[in-house]
N, C-alpha and C. Protein backbone atom coordinates (compact mmCIF):
# COMPACT_ATOMS: atom_id res chain seq x y z
N UNK A 1 -8.02 0.17 8.03
CA UNK A 1 -8.00 0.48 6.99
C UNK A 1 -9.27 -0.43 5.71
N UNK A 2 -10.50 0.03 5.17
CA UNK A 2 -10.20 -1.76 4.68
C UNK A 2 -10.16 -0.52 3.05
N UNK A 3 -9.75 -0.20 2.57
CA UNK A 3 -8.76 0.93 1.39
C UNK A 3 -7.45 1.18 1.57
N UNK A 4 -6.59 0.81 0.74
CA UNK A 4 -5.16 0.95 0.80
C UNK A 4 -4.78 0.98 -1.08
N UNK A 5 -4.29 2.36 -1.96
CA UNK A 5 -3.81 1.68 -3.08
C UNK A 5 -1.98 1.89 -3.19
N UNK A 6 -2.21 1.35 -3.99
CA UNK A 6 -0.75 0.84 -4.41
C UNK A 6 -0.06 1.53 -6.26
N UNK A 7 0.61 1.83 -7.10
CA UNK A 7 0.83 1.77 -8.10
C UNK A 7 1.10 0.42 -8.34
N UNK A 8 1.40 0.10 -9.78
CA UNK A 8 1.75 -0.70 -10.59
C UNK A 8 2.59 -0.25 -11.47
N UNK A 9 3.48 -0.52 -11.70
CA UNK A 9 4.97 -0.25 -13.21
C UNK A 9 5.65 -0.77 -13.84
N UNK A 10 5.25 -1.23 -14.78
CA UNK A 10 5.80 -1.80 -15.29
C UNK A 10 7.67 -1.61 -15.68
N UNK A 11 8.39 -2.65 -15.36
CA UNK A 11 9.43 -2.39 -15.94
C UNK A 11 9.97 -4.02 -16.27
N UNK A 12 11.07 -3.96 -17.10
CA UNK A 12 12.17 -4.56 -18.34
C UNK A 12 10.95 -6.06 -17.64
N UNK A 13 9.89 -5.94 -18.46
CA UNK A 13 8.78 -7.25 -19.14
C UNK A 13 8.25 -7.96 -18.07
N UNK A 14 8.01 -6.72 -16.16
CA UNK A 14 7.21 -7.40 -15.83
C UNK A 14 6.61 -6.58 -14.74
N UNK A 15 5.48 -6.24 -13.66
CA UNK A 15 4.75 -5.40 -13.21
C UNK A 15 5.19 -5.47 -11.84
N UNK A 16 5.36 -4.32 -11.30
CA UNK A 16 5.77 -4.53 -10.46
C UNK A 16 5.29 -3.12 -8.82
N UNK A 17 4.37 -4.41 -8.04
CA UNK A 17 3.75 -2.75 -7.29
C UNK A 17 4.51 -1.56 -5.76
N UNK A 18 4.63 -1.36 -6.37
CA UNK A 18 4.54 -0.25 -5.26
C UNK A 18 3.96 1.09 -4.61
N UNK A 19 3.93 1.67 -3.68
CA UNK A 19 3.72 2.93 -2.11
C UNK A 19 4.46 3.78 -2.57
N UNK A 20 4.31 4.46 -2.93
CA UNK A 20 5.38 5.83 -3.17
C UNK A 20 4.47 7.52 -2.54
N UNK A 21 3.99 6.24 -1.25
CA UNK A 21 3.07 7.75 -0.26
C UNK A 21 4.41 7.59 1.07
N UNK A 22 4.68 6.86 0.90
CA UNK A 22 6.06 6.97 2.87
C UNK A 22 6.88 7.81 2.94
N UNK A 23 6.78 9.09 2.77
CA UNK A 23 8.67 9.47 3.04
C UNK A 23 9.00 9.08 4.20
N UNK A 24 10.04 9.87 3.94
CA UNK A 24 11.21 9.50 5.24
C UNK A 24 10.59 10.04 6.32
N UNK A 25 9.99 11.13 6.79
CA UNK A 25 9.82 11.82 7.23
C UNK A 25 8.08 10.70 8.72
N UNK A 26 7.06 10.59 7.41
CA UNK A 26 5.90 10.11 7.55
C UNK A 26 6.30 9.03 8.52
N UNK A 27 7.68 8.47 8.03
CA UNK A 27 8.05 6.53 7.94
C UNK A 27 8.84 7.12 9.94
N UNK A 28 9.34 8.18 9.47
CA UNK A 28 10.02 7.90 11.17
C UNK A 28 8.83 8.61 12.01
N UNK A 29 7.45 9.06 11.53
CA UNK A 29 7.35 9.41 13.12
C UNK A 29 5.55 7.76 13.15
N UNK A 30 5.83 7.33 12.43
CA UNK A 30 5.25 5.91 12.83
C UNK A 30 5.89 4.38 12.56
N UNK A 31 7.20 5.22 13.69
CA UNK A 31 8.14 4.85 13.95
C UNK A 31 8.64 2.77 12.79
N UNK A 32 8.11 3.62 11.14
CA UNK A 32 8.46 1.86 11.02
C UNK A 32 9.92 2.91 9.44
N UNK A 33 10.62 1.82 8.94
CA UNK A 33 11.43 1.83 8.40
C UNK A 33 10.70 2.20 6.94
N UNK A 34 11.98 3.63 6.44
CA UNK A 34 11.53 3.17 4.68
C UNK A 34 11.21 2.26 3.30
N UNK A 35 10.77 2.41 3.05
CA UNK A 35 10.76 1.12 1.89
C UNK A 35 11.89 1.19 1.11
N UNK A 36 12.05 -0.53 0.77
CA UNK A 36 13.82 0.07 -0.11
C UNK A 36 12.30 -0.51 -1.38
N UNK A 37 12.47 0.75 -2.71
CA UNK A 37 12.29 -0.21 -4.29
C UNK A 37 13.35 -0.65 -4.49
N UNK A 38 14.05 -1.97 -5.12
CA UNK A 38 15.00 -2.46 -6.40
C UNK A 38 14.58 -2.13 -7.74
N UNK A 39 13.00 -2.03 -8.10
CA UNK A 39 13.46 -2.06 -9.05
C UNK A 39 12.85 -2.98 -9.92
N UNK A 40 13.51 -4.34 -9.31
CA UNK A 40 12.88 -5.98 -8.98
C UNK A 40 11.70 -6.27 -8.30
N UNK A 41 11.35 -6.03 -6.83
CA UNK A 41 10.48 -7.12 -6.83
C UNK A 41 9.51 -5.69 -5.70
N UNK A 42 8.39 -6.24 -5.48
CA UNK A 42 7.54 -5.02 -4.75
C UNK A 42 7.27 -5.03 -3.82
N UNK A 43 7.34 -3.48 -3.45
CA UNK A 43 7.79 -2.52 -2.58
C UNK A 43 6.62 -2.12 -2.11
N UNK A 44 5.62 -2.66 -1.01
CA UNK A 44 3.63 -2.38 -1.02
C UNK A 44 3.99 -2.19 0.05
N UNK A 45 4.89 -2.52 1.54
CA UNK A 45 4.34 -2.07 2.62
C UNK A 45 5.31 -2.31 3.86
N UNK A 46 5.11 -1.53 5.38
CA UNK A 46 5.96 -2.59 6.85
C UNK A 46 5.17 -3.52 6.98
N UNK A 47 5.76 -4.28 6.58
CA UNK A 47 4.94 -5.27 7.87
C UNK A 47 5.50 -5.33 9.08
N UNK A 48 7.04 -4.25 9.52
CA UNK A 48 7.06 -4.60 10.92
C UNK A 48 7.20 -2.72 11.38
N UNK A 49 7.68 -2.90 12.24
CA UNK A 49 8.20 -1.75 13.03
C UNK A 49 9.00 -1.38 13.49
N UNK A 50 9.95 -0.20 14.02
CA UNK A 50 11.04 -0.43 14.35
C UNK A 50 11.50 -1.77 15.25
N UNK A 51 10.09 -1.43 16.43
CA UNK A 51 10.40 -2.53 17.25
C UNK A 51 10.42 -3.90 17.36
N UNK A 52 9.74 -4.13 15.80
CA UNK A 52 9.66 -5.73 16.48
C UNK A 52 8.43 -6.06 15.60
N UNK A 53 7.82 -5.30 15.84
CA UNK A 53 5.97 -5.77 16.06
C UNK A 53 5.48 -5.71 14.13
N UNK A 54 4.06 -6.65 14.61
CA UNK A 54 3.53 -6.62 13.56
C UNK A 54 3.05 -5.04 12.79
N UNK A 55 3.49 -4.60 12.04
CA UNK A 55 2.46 -3.12 12.24
C UNK A 55 1.33 -3.24 10.74
N UNK A 56 0.89 -3.60 9.36
CA UNK A 56 0.65 -3.80 8.98
C UNK A 56 0.34 -5.61 7.66
N UNK A 57 -0.16 -5.93 6.82
CA UNK A 57 -0.68 -6.47 5.89
C UNK A 57 -1.97 -6.57 5.13
N UNK A 58 -1.91 -7.02 4.77
CA UNK A 58 -2.60 -7.09 2.33
C UNK A 58 -3.56 -7.94 3.34
N UNK A 59 -5.08 -7.61 4.35
CA UNK A 59 -5.95 -9.53 3.84
C UNK A 59 -7.01 -9.17 2.63
N UNK A 60 -6.99 -8.49 1.22
CA UNK A 60 -7.82 -8.54 0.50
C UNK A 60 -7.06 -8.13 -0.16
N UNK A 61 -7.03 -8.15 -1.84
CA UNK A 61 -6.13 -7.57 -2.64
C UNK A 61 -7.79 -7.27 -3.73
N UNK A 62 -8.08 -6.46 -3.96
CA UNK A 62 -9.25 -5.64 -4.22
C UNK A 62 -8.86 -6.11 -6.65
N UNK A 63 -7.48 -6.21 -6.49
CA UNK A 63 -6.73 -6.58 -8.18
C UNK A 63 -6.67 -4.76 -8.68
N UNK A 64 -6.19 -4.46 -9.56
CA UNK A 64 -5.62 -3.91 -9.83
C UNK A 64 -6.63 -3.10 -11.35
N UNK A 65 -6.35 -1.55 -11.16
CA UNK A 65 -7.71 -0.62 -11.94
C UNK A 65 -6.31 -0.27 -12.91
N UNK A 66 -6.88 0.39 -13.86
CA UNK A 66 -6.99 1.14 -14.53
C UNK A 66 -6.89 2.36 -14.52
N UNK A 67 -7.64 3.26 -13.52
CA UNK A 67 -8.07 4.50 -13.48
C UNK A 67 -8.45 3.89 -11.61
N UNK A 68 -8.24 4.98 -10.64
CA UNK A 68 -8.95 4.99 -9.27
C UNK A 68 -10.14 4.15 -9.19
N UNK A 69 -10.30 3.89 -8.66
CA UNK A 69 -12.79 2.47 -9.20
C UNK A 69 -12.91 3.95 -7.98
N UNK A 70 -13.03 5.16 -7.86
CA UNK A 70 -14.15 6.52 -8.33
C UNK A 70 -15.19 5.76 -5.97
N UNK A 71 -16.34 5.02 -7.66
CA UNK A 71 -17.83 3.88 -6.97
C UNK A 71 -17.25 3.47 -6.36
N UNK A 72 -16.49 2.73 -6.28
CA UNK A 72 -15.94 1.07 -5.48
C UNK A 72 -15.51 1.31 -4.11
N UNK A 73 -14.49 2.30 -4.31
CA UNK A 73 -13.94 2.62 -2.63
C UNK A 73 -15.05 3.29 -2.05
N UNK A 74 -15.72 4.15 -2.55
CA UNK A 74 -17.48 4.62 -1.71
C UNK A 74 -18.09 3.80 -1.21
N UNK A 75 -17.78 2.91 -2.25
CA UNK A 75 -18.44 2.49 -1.92
C UNK A 75 -19.19 0.78 -1.00
N UNK A 76 -17.32 0.80 -0.16
CA UNK A 76 -16.11 -0.13 0.48
C UNK A 76 -16.35 0.46 1.55
N UNK A 77 -16.45 2.80 1.50
CA UNK A 77 -16.32 3.57 2.50
C UNK A 77 -17.90 3.11 3.42
N UNK A 78 -18.60 3.55 3.23
CA UNK A 78 -19.94 2.94 3.23
C UNK A 78 -20.13 1.62 3.86
N UNK A 79 -20.29 0.43 2.59
CA UNK A 79 -20.45 -0.43 3.99
C UNK A 79 -19.85 -0.54 4.95
N UNK A 80 -18.24 -0.84 5.08
CA UNK A 80 -17.63 -0.87 6.35
C UNK A 80 -16.99 0.27 7.60
N UNK A 81 -17.77 1.48 7.55
CA UNK A 81 -18.19 2.78 8.20
C UNK A 81 -19.36 2.88 7.29
N UNK A 82 -20.08 3.04 7.85
CA UNK A 82 -21.85 4.22 7.52
C UNK A 82 -21.20 4.99 8.01
N UNK A 83 -21.52 4.94 9.29
CA UNK A 83 -21.47 6.89 10.23
C UNK A 83 -21.04 7.40 9.59
């Protein structure tokens, strides 16, 4: 997947990254543990699935945006998924 979004929340004078889209049912379907969010550290993705196999990692961080960068996302899709 060329693009994946997350949110950044300002808590106790620091920005914390999280991915709030993986609900319990979705985690069960993809055999990953639900992400923990403690309000102190990033909670971005599932490193490993429930069998201990590598599941997900970020290869490139495109930075932070104040709003959804629609044009940037579409151009990425056209570049990496031309058909």
